[in-house]
C-alpha atoms as a PDB file:
ATOM      1  CA  MET A   1      -9.485  24.398   8.968  1.00  0.00           C
ATOM      2  CA  PRO A   2      -7.978  20.938   8.376  1.00  0.00           C
ATOM      3  CA  ALA A   3      -4.217  20.627   8.076  1.00  0.00           C
ATOM      4  CA  LYS A   4      -2.779  20.397   4.591  1.00  0.00           C
ATOM      5  CA  ASN A   5      -2.988  16.937   2.978  1.00  0.00           C
ATOM      6  CA  THR A   6      -5.265  15.473   5.662  1.00  0.00           C
ATOM      7  CA  VAL A   7      -8.211  15.863   3.279  1.00  0.00           C
ATOM      8  CA  LYS A   8      -7.319  13.554   0.426  1.00  0.00           C
ATOM      9  CA  ILE A   9      -8.496  13.189  -3.155  1.00  0.00           C
ATOM     10  CA  PHE A  10      -8.396   9.546  -4.147  1.00  0.00           C
ATOM     11  CA  TYR A  11      -7.735   8.366  -7.692  1.00  0.00           C
ATOM     12  CA  GLU A  12      -7.192   4.945  -9.190  1.00  0.00           C
ATOM     13  CA  ASP A  13      -3.713   4.176 -10.506  1.00  0.00           C
ATOM     14  CA  ALA A  14      -2.298   7.334  -8.888  1.00  0.00           C
ATOM     15  CA  PHE A  15       0.914   8.242  -7.035  1.00  0.00           C
ATOM     16  CA  TYR A  16       0.978   9.701  -3.519  1.00  0.00           C
ATOM     17  CA  HIS A  17       3.471  11.054  -1.033  1.00  0.00           C
ATOM     18  CA  VAL A  18       2.347   9.681   2.333  1.00  0.00           C
ATOM     19  CA  TYR A  19       3.814  10.859   5.620  1.00  0.00           C
ATOM     20  CA  ASN A  20       3.078  11.126   9.320  1.00  0.00           C
ATOM     21  CA  ARG A  21       4.897  11.675  12.586  1.00  0.00           C
ATOM     22  CA  GLY A  22       4.562  10.758  16.234  1.00  0.00           C
ATOM     23  CA  VAL A  23       1.960  12.362  18.437  1.00  0.00           C
ATOM     24  CA  GLU A  24       3.331  15.511  20.087  1.00  0.00           C
ATOM     25  CA  LYS A  25       6.386  15.119  17.827  1.00  0.00           C
ATOM     26  CA  ARG A  26       7.535  12.150  19.919  1.00  0.00           C
ATOM     27  CA  PRO A  27       9.772   9.451  18.432  1.00  0.00           C
ATOM     28  CA  ILE A  28       8.026   6.481  16.870  1.00  0.00           C
ATOM     29  CA  PHE A  29      11.239   4.451  16.542  1.00  0.00           C
ATOM     30  CA  LEU A  30      13.224   4.110  19.757  1.00  0.00           C
ATOM     31  CA  ASP A  31      15.626   1.309  18.880  1.00  0.00           C
ATOM     32  CA  ARG A  32      16.761  -0.868  16.003  1.00  0.00           C
ATOM     33  CA  GLN A  33      14.034  -3.434  16.593  1.00  0.00           C
ATOM     34  CA  ASP A  34      11.328  -0.813  16.071  1.00  0.00           C
ATOM     35  CA  TYR A  35      12.609   0.038  12.588  1.00  0.00           C
ATOM     36  CA  ILE A  36      12.837  -3.657  11.727  1.00  0.00           C
ATOM     37  CA  VAL A  37       9.266  -4.321  12.876  1.00  0.00           C
ATOM     38  CA  PHE A  38       7.852  -1.428  10.842  1.00  0.00           C
ATOM     39  CA  LEU A  39       9.657  -2.741   7.764  1.00  0.00           C
ATOM     40  CA  HIS A  40       8.328  -6.199   8.562  1.00  0.00           C
ATOM     41  CA  PHE A  41       4.787  -4.872   8.310  1.00  0.00           C
ATOM     42  CA  LEU A  42       5.572  -3.131   5.021  1.00  0.00           C
ATOM     43  CA  LYS A  43       6.925  -6.399   3.678  1.00  0.00           C
ATOM     44  CA  LYS A  44       3.959  -8.361   5.008  1.00  0.00           C
ATOM     45  CA  TYR A  45       1.340  -6.284   3.226  1.00  0.00           C
ATOM     46  CA  LEU A  46       3.377  -5.686   0.049  1.00  0.00           C
ATOM     47  CA  THR A  47       4.393  -9.295  -0.599  1.00  0.00           C
ATOM     48  CA  PRO A  48       2.103 -11.783  -2.340  1.00  0.00           C
ATOM     49  CA  LYS A  49       0.801 -14.422   0.029  1.00  0.00           C
ATOM     50  CA  PRO A  50       2.539 -17.771  -0.429  1.00  0.00           C
ATOM     51  CA  LYS A  51       0.432 -20.451  -1.961  1.00  0.00           C
ATOM     52  CA  ALA A  52      -0.301 -22.739   0.960  1.00  0.00           C
ATOM     53  CA  PRO A  53      -3.045 -25.136   1.994  1.00  0.00           C
ATOM     54  CA  ALA A  54      -5.767 -23.987   4.334  1.00  0.00           C
ATOM     55  CA  SER A  55      -4.441 -26.412   6.931  1.00  0.00           C
ATOM     56  CA  VAL A  56      -1.334 -28.450   7.587  1.00  0.00           C
ATOM     57  CA  GLU A  57      -1.418 -32.147   8.490  1.00  0.00           C
ATOM     58  CA  VAL A  58       0.893 -32.682  11.451  1.00  0.00           C
ATOM     59  CA  ASP A  59      -0.986 -35.473  13.149  1.00  0.00           C
ATOM     60  CA  PRO A  60      -3.956 -37.418  11.785  1.00  0.00           C
ATOM     61  CA  SER A  61      -6.016 -36.317  14.777  1.00  0.00           C
ATOM     62  CA  LYS A  62      -5.035 -32.626  14.618  1.00  0.00           C
ATOM     63  CA  ARG A  63      -5.226 -29.903  12.009  1.00  0.00           C
ATOM     64  CA  PHE A  64      -3.362 -26.625  12.390  1.00  0.00           C
ATOM     65  CA  ARG A  65      -4.868 -23.709  10.546  1.00  0.00           C
ATOM     66  CA  ILE A  66      -2.696 -21.089   8.900  1.00  0.00           C
ATOM     67  CA  ILE A  67      -3.623 -17.630  10.180  1.00  0.00           C
ATOM     68  CA  PRO A  68      -4.683 -15.559   7.143  1.00  0.00           C
ATOM     69  CA  TYR A  69      -3.713 -11.958   6.491  1.00  0.00           C
ATOM     70  CA  GLU A  70      -4.523  -9.545   3.713  1.00  0.00           C
ATOM     71  CA  SER A  71      -1.848  -9.052   1.087  1.00  0.00           C
ATOM     72  CA  LEU A  72      -2.173  -5.784  -0.826  1.00  0.00           C
ATOM     73  CA  SER A  73       0.605  -6.514  -3.308  1.00  0.00           C
ATOM     74  CA  ASP A  74      -1.849  -6.340  -6.225  1.00  0.00           C
ATOM     75  CA  GLU A  75      -3.179  -2.961  -5.105  1.00  0.00           C
ATOM     76  CA  ILE A  76      -0.166  -1.001  -3.794  1.00  0.00           C
ATOM     77  CA  SER A  77       3.369  -0.418  -5.054  1.00  0.00           C
ATOM     78  CA  LEU A  78       5.979   1.130  -2.778  1.00  0.00           C
ATOM     79  CA  LEU A  79       8.452   3.162  -4.831  1.00  0.00           C
ATOM     80  CA  ALA A  80      10.479   4.750  -2.024  1.00  0.00           C
ATOM     81  CA  TYR A  81      10.503   5.175   1.736  1.00  0.00           C
ATOM     82  CA  CYS A  82      12.438   6.695   4.602  1.00  0.00           C
ATOM     83  CA  LEU A  83      11.948   6.054   8.305  1.00  0.00           C
ATOM     84  CA  MET A  84      13.153   8.813  10.606  1.00  0.00           C
ATOM     85  CA  PRO A  85      13.126   8.801  14.414  1.00  0.00           C
ATOM     86  CA  ASN A  86       9.818  10.668  14.741  1.00  0.00           C
ATOM     87  CA  HIS A  87       8.236  10.385  11.277  1.00  0.00           C
ATOM     88  CA  PHE A  88       8.106   8.408   8.046  1.00  0.00           C
ATOM     89  CA  HIS A  89       7.771   9.060   4.319  1.00  0.00           C
ATOM     90  CA  LEU A  90       6.339   6.672   1.732  1.00  0.00           C
ATOM     91  CA  LEU A  91       6.057   7.113  -2.027  1.00  0.00           C
ATOM     92  CA  LEU A  92       3.149   4.914  -3.139  1.00  0.00           C
ATOM     93  CA  GLN A  93       1.160   4.038  -6.220  1.00  0.00           C
ATOM     94  CA  GLN A  94      -2.353   2.809  -5.530  1.00  0.00           C
ATOM     95  CA  LYS A  95      -4.185   0.740  -8.117  1.00  0.00           C
ATOM     96  CA  LYS A  96      -7.687   1.003  -6.647  1.00  0.00           C
ATOM     97  CA  ILE A  97      -9.488   3.956  -5.118  1.00  0.00           C
ATOM     98  CA  ASP A  98      -9.193   2.628  -1.554  1.00  0.00           C
ATOM     99  CA  SER A  99      -5.887   0.761  -1.737  1.00  0.00           C
ATOM    100  CA  MET A 100      -3.815   3.376   0.075  1.00  0.00           C
ATOM    101  CA  THR A 101      -6.338   3.690   2.890  1.00  0.00           C
ATOM    102  CA  LYS A 102      -6.361  -0.066   3.475  1.00  0.00           C
ATOM    103  CA  PHE A 103      -2.572  -0.277   3.344  1.00  0.00           C
ATOM    104  CA  LEU A 104      -1.966   2.575   5.803  1.00  0.00           C
ATOM    105  CA  ARG A 105      -4.664   1.301   8.145  1.00  0.00           C
ATOM    106  CA  CYS A 106      -3.131  -2.184   8.231  1.00  0.00           C
ATOM    107  CA  THR A 107       0.465  -1.012   8.573  1.00  0.00           C
ATOM    108  CA  CYS A 108       0.015   1.776  11.111  1.00  0.00           C
ATOM    109  CA  THR A 109      -2.481  -0.117  13.258  1.00  0.00           C
ATOM    110  CA  SER A 110      -0.224  -3.186  13.389  1.00  0.00           C
ATOM    111  CA  TYR A 111       2.807  -1.071  14.274  1.00  0.00           C
ATOM    112  CA  SER A 112       0.942   0.968  16.902  1.00  0.00           C
ATOM    113  CA  MET A 113      -0.227  -2.210  18.618  1.00  0.00           C
ATOM    114  CA  TYR A 114       3.339  -3.542  18.664  1.00  0.00           C
ATOM    115  CA  PHE A 115       4.771  -0.238  19.938  1.00  0.00           C
ATOM    116  CA  ASN A 116       2.188   0.225  22.700  1.00  0.00           C
ATOM    117  CA  LYS A 117       2.618  -3.321  23.934  1.00  0.00           C
ATOM    118  CA  LYS A 118       6.415  -3.134  23.905  1.00  0.00           C
ATOM    119  CA  TYR A 119       6.603   0.186  25.740  1.00  0.00           C
ATOM    120  CA  GLU A 120       3.549  -0.367  27.959  1.00  0.00           C
ATOM    121  CA  ARG A 121       1.713   2.700  26.749  1.00  0.00           C
ATOM    122  CA  VAL A 122      -1.839   3.471  25.639  1.00  0.00           C
ATOM    123  CA  GLY A 123      -3.375   5.899  23.189  1.00  0.00           C
ATOM    124  CA  PRO A 124      -2.531   7.057  19.666  1.00  0.00           C
ATOM    125  CA  LEU A 125       1.037   6.728  18.440  1.00  0.00           C
ATOM    126  CA  PHE A 126       0.725   8.940  15.361  1.00  0.00           C
ATOM    127  CA  GLN A 127      -0.281  12.577  15.127  1.00  0.00           C
ATOM    128  CA  GLY A 128      -3.735  12.210  13.664  1.00  0.00           C
ATOM    129  CA  ILE A 129      -4.589  10.636  10.355  1.00  0.00           C
ATOM    130  CA  TYR A 130      -1.792  10.169   7.851  1.00  0.00           C
ATOM    131  CA  LYS A 131      -1.110  12.923   5.299  1.00  0.00           C
ATOM    132  CA  ALA A 132      -1.139  12.176   1.567  1.00  0.00           C
ATOM    133  CA  ALA A 133      -0.384  14.451  -1.386  1.00  0.00           C
ATOM    134  CA  ASN A 134      -1.282  13.386  -4.920  1.00  0.00           C
ATOM    135  CA  ILE A 135       1.659  13.541  -7.352  1.00  0.00           C
ATOM    136  CA  GLU A 136       0.464  14.849 -10.673  1.00  0.00           C
ATOM    137  CA  ASN A 137       3.558  15.002 -12.891  1.00  0.00           C
ATOM    138  CA  GLU A 138       6.794  13.136 -13.563  1.00  0.00           C
ATOM    139  CA  ASN A 139       9.127  15.933 -12.495  1.00  0.00           C
ATOM    140  CA  TYR A 140       7.526  16.118  -9.095  1.00  0.00           C
ATOM    141  CA  LEU A 141       7.637  12.320  -8.765  1.00  0.00           C
ATOM    142  CA  LEU A 142      11.391  12.271  -9.358  1.00  0.00           C
ATOM    143  CA  HIS A 143      12.232  15.228  -7.138  1.00  0.00           C
ATOM    144  CA  LEU A 144      10.030  13.860  -4.384  1.00  0.00           C
ATOM    145  CA  SER A 145      11.949  10.581  -4.437  1.00  0.00           C
ATOM    146  CA  ARG A 146      15.153  12.601  -4.081  1.00  0.00           C
ATOM    147  CA  TYR A 147      13.687  14.573  -1.186  1.00  0.00           C
ATOM    148  CA  ILE A 148      12.712  11.351   0.613  1.00  0.00           C
ATOM    149  CA  HIS A 149      16.153   9.810   0.130  1.00  0.00           C
ATOM    150  CA  LEU A 150      17.922  12.967   1.342  1.00  0.00           C
ATOM    151  CA  ASN A 151      15.951  13.060   4.608  1.00  0.00           C
ATOM    152  CA  PRO A 152      18.705  11.365   6.666  1.00  0.00           C
ATOM    153  CA  ARG A 153      21.046  14.296   5.974  1.00  0.00           C
ATOM    154  CA  GLU A 154      19.549  16.125   8.923  1.00  0.00           C
ATOM    155  CA  LEU A 155      20.619  13.312  11.250  1.00  0.00           C
ATOM    156  CA  PHE A 156      24.197  13.343   9.978  1.00  0.00           C
ATOM    157  CA  THR A 157      24.558  17.117  10.073  1.00  0.00           C
ATOM    158  CA  GLU A 158      23.604  17.115  13.749  1.00  0.00           C
ATOM    159  CA  VAL A 159      26.854  15.238  14.379  1.00  0.00           C
ATOM    160  CA  GLN A 160      29.130  16.942  11.876  1.00  0.00           C
ATOM    161  CA  PRO A 161      28.833  19.193   8.803  1.00  0.00           C
ATOM    162  CA  LEU A 162      27.989  17.180   5.693  1.00  0.00           C
ATOM    163  CA  THR A 163      30.055  17.897   2.601  1.00  0.00           C
ATOM    164  CA  ARG A 164      29.629  16.847  -1.011  1.00  0.00           C
ATOM    165  CA  ASP A 165      32.170  14.095  -0.327  1.00  0.00           C
ATOM    166  CA  GLN A 166      30.008  12.573   2.415  1.00  0.00           C
ATOM    167  CA  PRO A 167      26.830  11.214   0.788  1.00  0.00           C
ATOM    168  CA  LEU A 168      26.017   9.280   3.940  1.00  0.00           C
ATOM    169  CA  GLN A 169      22.401   8.685   2.941  1.00  0.00           C
ATOM    170  CA  ARG A 170      23.778   5.716   0.953  1.00  0.00           C
ATOM    171  CA  ASP A 171      24.580   4.032   4.260  1.00  0.00           C
ATOM    172  CA  TYR A 172      21.326   4.888   5.999  1.00  0.00           C
ATOM    173  CA  GLU A 173      19.707   1.530   6.711  1.00  0.00           C
ATOM    174  CA  TRP A 174      16.110   2.686   7.117  1.00  0.00           C
ATOM    175  CA  SER A 175      15.547   4.088   3.650  1.00  0.00           C
ATOM    176  CA  SER A 176      15.086   2.660   0.166  1.00  0.00           C
ATOM    177  CA  TYR A 177      18.098   4.558  -1.174  1.00  0.00           C
ATOM    178  CA  PRO A 178      20.368   1.469  -0.893  1.00  0.00           C
ATOM    179  CA  GLU A 179      17.975  -0.264  -3.316  1.00  0.00           C
ATOM    180  CA  TYR A 180      18.398   2.587  -5.791  1.00  0.00           C
ATOM    181  CA  VAL A 181      22.199   2.536  -5.759  1.00  0.00           C
ATOM    182  CA  GLY A 182      22.520  -1.245  -5.957  1.00  0.00           C
ATOM    183  CA  LYS A 183      23.609  -1.872  -2.379  1.00  0.00           C
ATOM    184  CA  ARG A 184      20.531  -3.921  -1.500  1.00  0.00           C
ATOM    185  CA  LYS A 185      17.781  -5.840  -3.288  1.00  0.00           C
ATOM    186  CA  THR A 186      14.255  -5.881  -1.861  1.00  0.00           C
ATOM    187  CA  GLU A 187      11.449  -7.407  -3.882  1.00  0.00           C
ATOM    188  CA  TRP A 188       8.704  -5.210  -2.417  1.00  0.00           C
ATOM    189  CA  VAL A 189      10.481  -1.923  -3.174  1.00  0.00           C
ATOM    190  CA  LYS A 190       9.692  -1.063  -6.801  1.00  0.00           C
ATOM    191  CA  THR A 191      12.589   0.949  -8.197  1.00  0.00           C
ATOM    192  CA  ASP A 192      12.094   0.284 -11.909  1.00  0.00           C
ATOM    193  CA  LEU A 193       9.800   3.185 -12.732  1.00  0.00           C
ATOM    194  CA  ILE A 194      11.954   5.958 -11.296  1.00  0.00           C
ATOM    195  CA  LEU A 195      15.216   4.451 -12.508  1.00  0.00           C
ATOM    196  CA  SER A 196      13.777   4.135 -16.010  1.00  0.00           C
ATOM    197  CA  TYR A 197      13.787   7.922 -16.393  1.00  0.00           C
ATOM    198  CA  PHE A 198      17.558   8.031 -16.191  1.00  0.00           C
ATOM    199  CA  SER A 199      18.171   6.956 -19.746  1.00  0.00           C
ATOM    200  CA  SER A 200      19.410   9.602 -22.177  1.00  0.00           C
ATOM    201  CA  ALA A 201      16.078   9.932 -23.983  1.00  0.00           C
ATOM    202  CA  LYS A 202      13.916  10.426 -20.958  1.00  0.00           C
ATOM    203  CA  SER A 203      16.454  12.595 -19.151  1.00  0.00           C
ATOM    204  CA  SER A 204      16.228  15.222 -21.870  1.00  0.00           C
ATOM    205  CA  ASP A 205      12.443  15.145 -21.724  1.00  0.00           C
ATOM    206  CA  LEU A 206      12.467  15.886 -17.988  1.00  0.00           C
ATOM    207  CA  SER A 207      15.251  18.488 -18.019  1.00  0.00           C
ATOM    208  CA  LEU A 208      17.612  16.306 -16.005  1.00  0.00           C
ATOM    209  CA  LYS A 209      20.538  17.728 -17.981  1.00  0.00           C
ATOM    210  CA  ASP A 210      23.378  15.212 -18.176  1.00  0.00           C
ATOM    211  CA  LEU A 211      22.485  13.336 -14.991  1.00  0.00           C
ATOM    212  CA  ASN A 212      22.317   9.839 -16.414  1.00  0.00           C
ATOM    213  CA  THR A 213      22.196   7.974 -13.110  1.00  0.00           C
ATOM    214  CA  TYR A 214      19.831   8.271 -10.219  1.00  0.00           C
ATOM    215  CA  GLN A 215      22.742   8.456  -7.793  1.00  0.00           C
ATOM    216  CA  SER A 216      24.118  11.557  -9.499  1.00  0.00           C
ATOM    217  CA  PHE A 217      20.622  13.063  -9.524  1.00  0.00           C
ATOM    218  CA  VAL A 218      20.384  12.685  -5.744  1.00  0.00           C
ATOM    219  CA  GLU A 219      23.933  13.387  -4.659  1.00  0.00           C
ATOM    220  CA  ASP A 220      25.205  15.966  -7.149  1.00  0.00           C
ATOM    221  CA  GLN A 221      22.702  18.642  -6.222  1.00  0.00           C
ATOM    222  CA  SER A 222      23.838  21.742  -4.411  1.00  0.00           C
ATOM    223  CA  SER A 223      22.296  22.547  -1.041  1.00  0.00           C
ATOM    224  CA  GLU A 224      20.719  25.534  -2.725  1.00  0.00           C
ATOM    225  CA  ASP A 225      18.891  23.281  -5.204  1.00  0.00           C
ATOM    226  CA  GLN A 226      17.621  21.076  -2.404  1.00  0.00           C
ATOM    227  CA  GLY A 227      15.640  23.943  -0.979  1.00  0.00           C
ATOM    228  CA  THR A 228      13.849  24.960  -4.152  1.00  0.00           C
ATOM    229  CA  ALA A 229      10.149  24.808  -4.878  1.00  0.00           C
ATOM    230  CA  LEU A 230      10.680  21.267  -6.149  1.00  0.00           C
ATOM    231  CA  THR A 231      10.968  20.186  -2.511  1.00  0.00           C
ATOM    232  CA  PRO A 232       7.499  19.201  -1.247  1.00  0.00           C
ATOM    233  CA  GLU A 233       5.729  21.492   1.167  1.00  0.00           C
ATOM    234  CA  LEU A 234       4.982  19.483   4.296  1.00  0.00           C
ATOM    235  CA  THR A 235       2.901  20.268   7.319  1.00  0.00           C
ATOM    236  CA  PHE A 236       2.207  18.004  10.248  1.00  0.00           C
ATOM    237  CA  ASP A 237      -0.110  20.399  12.067  1.00  0.00           C
END
């Protein structure tokens, strides 16, 4: 029987929670450079290609071609992400039926080639094909973004107990949470949709009580709430 979320149902203009981890639960990010390179590939495929000529005149007798690559910025929007030592989470919206497949193939293949070359290894880096769960309602979309941004808590609690006065996920560099709290601006991380729900009108529609900012939505939840059925069920088996 296939593992949960390995068999995917593809829809146009749909939202997905995409995740995967290292083969045999091994780390896929071993140092700072590895995180930066993975983000580089996200940026590469999520940024519109610059308008440039097919060749550049440097010398009248020579022409230097610009190496093309496929930009998927018109097909994929990245709403949130978190990179952890042995796995990653992405919250995506695909515009076409095959957009997500193309994006994950480009990103993960490029990163695997980099990783294997750097560490002189061979074979698969990730544990099978990526997992993807379709997000069918707004409540789940919002709570999933919170779940993704709270992932780094497990790293901090390994060092010391985390209290309500220590929302250290704000300072976690390898997540999109800094974009959501105004600490960083990244063009290829699309925060507008999720942040738009935190106006008074939409908050009441989604039972967000009096949480009128995304930061309060993420950080003012009790640990008991964070373990409710609103947290996505994940399996990497």
